Amino acid sequence: MSRKGNCWDNACAESFFKTLKTEEGKLNGKYSADDVRQAVFFYVEGYYSRERIHSVLDYLSPNEYYSKNVA
């Protein structure tokens, strides 16, 4: 987190949380904390990192990108 007036450091985190809130329906306050925790885990580990494509990563999922560029 950056100090007041220096928002560029937070842009990636804010973008991720906006996407998470938009795409994950269980974050609307009607579910228990355990349900939300499980839904967020499956969203991040099951969908966001494995399947969802990202324009910054040449339209590949993070797992595909890192397996091609790190190996």
C-alpha atoms as a PDB file:
ATOM      1  CA  MET A   1       0.000   0.000   0.000  1.00  0.00           C
ATOM      2  CA  SER A   2       1.220   3.449  -0.798  1.00  0.00           C
ATOM      3  CA  ARG A   3       0.771   6.711   1.028  1.00  0.00           C
ATOM      4  CA  LYS A   4      -2.008   9.177   0.339  1.00  0.00           C
ATOM      5  CA  GLY A   5      -1.861  10.740  -3.106  1.00  0.00           C
ATOM      6  CA  ASN A   6       0.314   7.996  -4.602  1.00  0.00           C
ATOM      7  CA  CYS A   7      -2.226   5.560  -6.011  1.00  0.00           C
ATOM      8  CA  TRP A   8      -0.141   3.750  -8.645  1.00  0.00           C
ATOM      9  CA  ASP A   9       1.141   1.098  -6.234  1.00  0.00           C
ATOM     10  CA  ASN A  10      -2.421   0.026  -5.440  1.00  0.00           C
ATOM     11  CA  ALA A  11      -3.729  -0.154  -9.007  1.00  0.00           C
ATOM     12  CA  CYS A  12      -3.108  -3.898  -9.506  1.00  0.00           C
ATOM     13  CA  ALA A  13      -4.647  -4.860  -6.178  1.00  0.00           C
ATOM     14  CA  GLU A  14      -7.659  -2.608  -6.730  1.00  0.00           C
ATOM     15  CA  SER A  15      -8.177  -4.045 -10.214  1.00  0.00           C
ATOM     16  CA  PHE A  16      -8.054  -7.611  -8.872  1.00  0.00           C
ATOM     17  CA  PHE A  17     -10.543  -6.933  -6.083  1.00  0.00           C
ATOM     18  CA  LYS A  18     -12.910  -5.152  -8.478  1.00  0.00           C
ATOM     19  CA  THR A  19     -12.806  -8.191 -10.774  1.00  0.00           C
ATOM     20  CA  LEU A  20     -13.309 -10.547  -7.841  1.00  0.00           C
ATOM     21  CA  LYS A  21     -16.338  -8.632  -6.571  1.00  0.00           C
ATOM     22  CA  THR A  22     -17.834  -8.453 -10.071  1.00  0.00           C
ATOM     23  CA  GLU A  23     -17.355 -12.106 -11.024  1.00  0.00           C
ATOM     24  CA  GLU A  24     -17.965 -13.835  -7.679  1.00  0.00           C
ATOM     25  CA  GLY A  25     -21.631 -13.731  -6.676  1.00  0.00           C
ATOM     26  CA  LYS A  26     -21.188 -14.863  -3.064  1.00  0.00           C
ATOM     27  CA  LEU A  27     -19.674 -11.537  -2.005  1.00  0.00           C
ATOM     28  CA  ASN A  28     -23.027  -9.806  -1.652  1.00  0.00           C
ATOM     29  CA  GLY A  29     -23.375 -10.161   2.127  1.00  0.00           C
ATOM     30  CA  LYS A  30     -25.934 -12.989   2.104  1.00  0.00           C
ATOM     31  CA  TYR A  31     -23.469 -15.813   2.820  1.00  0.00           C
ATOM     32  CA  SER A  32     -21.490 -16.885   5.864  1.00  0.00           C
ATOM     33  CA  ALA A  33     -17.804 -16.083   6.239  1.00  0.00           C
ATOM     34  CA  ASP A  34     -16.890 -19.732   5.620  1.00  0.00           C
ATOM     35  CA  ASP A  35     -18.911 -19.821   2.389  1.00  0.00           C
ATOM     36  CA  VAL A  36     -17.246 -16.631   1.163  1.00  0.00           C
ATOM     37  CA  ARG A  37     -13.766 -17.864   2.141  1.00  0.00           C
ATOM     38  CA  GLN A  38     -14.316 -21.108   0.224  1.00  0.00           C
ATOM     39  CA  ALA A  39     -15.757 -19.297  -2.805  1.00  0.00           C
ATOM     40  CA  VAL A  40     -12.810 -16.879  -2.943  1.00  0.00           C
ATOM     41  CA  PHE A  41     -10.328 -19.750  -2.636  1.00  0.00           C
ATOM     42  CA  PHE A  42     -11.934 -21.679  -5.506  1.00  0.00           C
ATOM     43  CA  TYR A  43     -12.184 -18.499  -7.588  1.00  0.00           C
ATOM     44  CA  VAL A  44      -8.494 -17.636  -7.176  1.00  0.00           C
ATOM     45  CA  GLU A  45      -7.003 -21.142  -7.270  1.00  0.00           C
ATOM     46  CA  GLY A  46      -9.479 -22.809  -9.615  1.00  0.00           C
ATOM     47  CA  TYR A  47     -10.465 -20.136 -12.082  1.00  0.00           C
ATOM     48  CA  TYR A  48      -8.372 -16.946 -11.892  1.00  0.00           C
ATOM     49  CA  SER A  49      -4.965 -18.669 -11.940  1.00  0.00           C
ATOM     50  CA  ARG A  50      -5.806 -21.655 -14.140  1.00  0.00           C
ATOM     51  CA  GLU A  51      -8.415 -20.627 -16.700  1.00  0.00           C
ATOM     52  CA  ARG A  52      -9.049 -16.861 -16.876  1.00  0.00           C
ATOM     53  CA  ILE A  53      -7.020 -15.209 -19.603  1.00  0.00           C
ATOM     54  CA  HIS A  54      -5.243 -11.898 -18.947  1.00  0.00           C
ATOM     55  CA  SER A  55      -4.436  -9.314 -21.602  1.00  0.00           C
ATOM     56  CA  VAL A  56      -1.177  -8.372 -19.847  1.00  0.00           C
ATOM     57  CA  LEU A  57       0.005 -11.990 -20.197  1.00  0.00           C
ATOM     58  CA  ASP A  58      -0.554 -12.160 -23.970  1.00  0.00           C
ATOM     59  CA  TYR A  59      -4.079 -13.514 -23.446  1.00  0.00           C
ATOM     60  CA  LEU A  60      -2.917 -16.598 -21.548  1.00  0.00           C
ATOM     61  CA  SER A  61      -3.879 -17.774 -18.092  1.00  0.00           C
ATOM     62  CA  PRO A  62      -1.213 -17.134 -15.424  1.00  0.00           C
ATOM     63  CA  ASN A  63      -0.374 -20.853 -15.220  1.00  0.00           C
ATOM     64  CA  GLU A  64       0.076 -21.109 -19.006  1.00  0.00           C
ATOM     65  CA  TYR A  65       2.173 -17.952 -19.115  1.00  0.00           C
ATOM     66  CA  TYR A  66       4.531 -18.975 -16.336  1.00  0.00           C
ATOM     67  CA  SER A  67       4.930 -22.511 -17.645  1.00  0.00           C
ATOM     68  CA  LYS A  68       5.974 -21.116 -21.068  1.00  0.00           C
ATOM     69  CA  ASN A  69       8.211 -18.304 -19.803  1.00  0.00           C
ATOM     70  CA  VAL A  70       9.822 -19.720 -16.679  1.00  0.00           C
ATOM     71  CA  ALA A  71      10.582 -23.259 -17.813  1.00  0.00           C
END
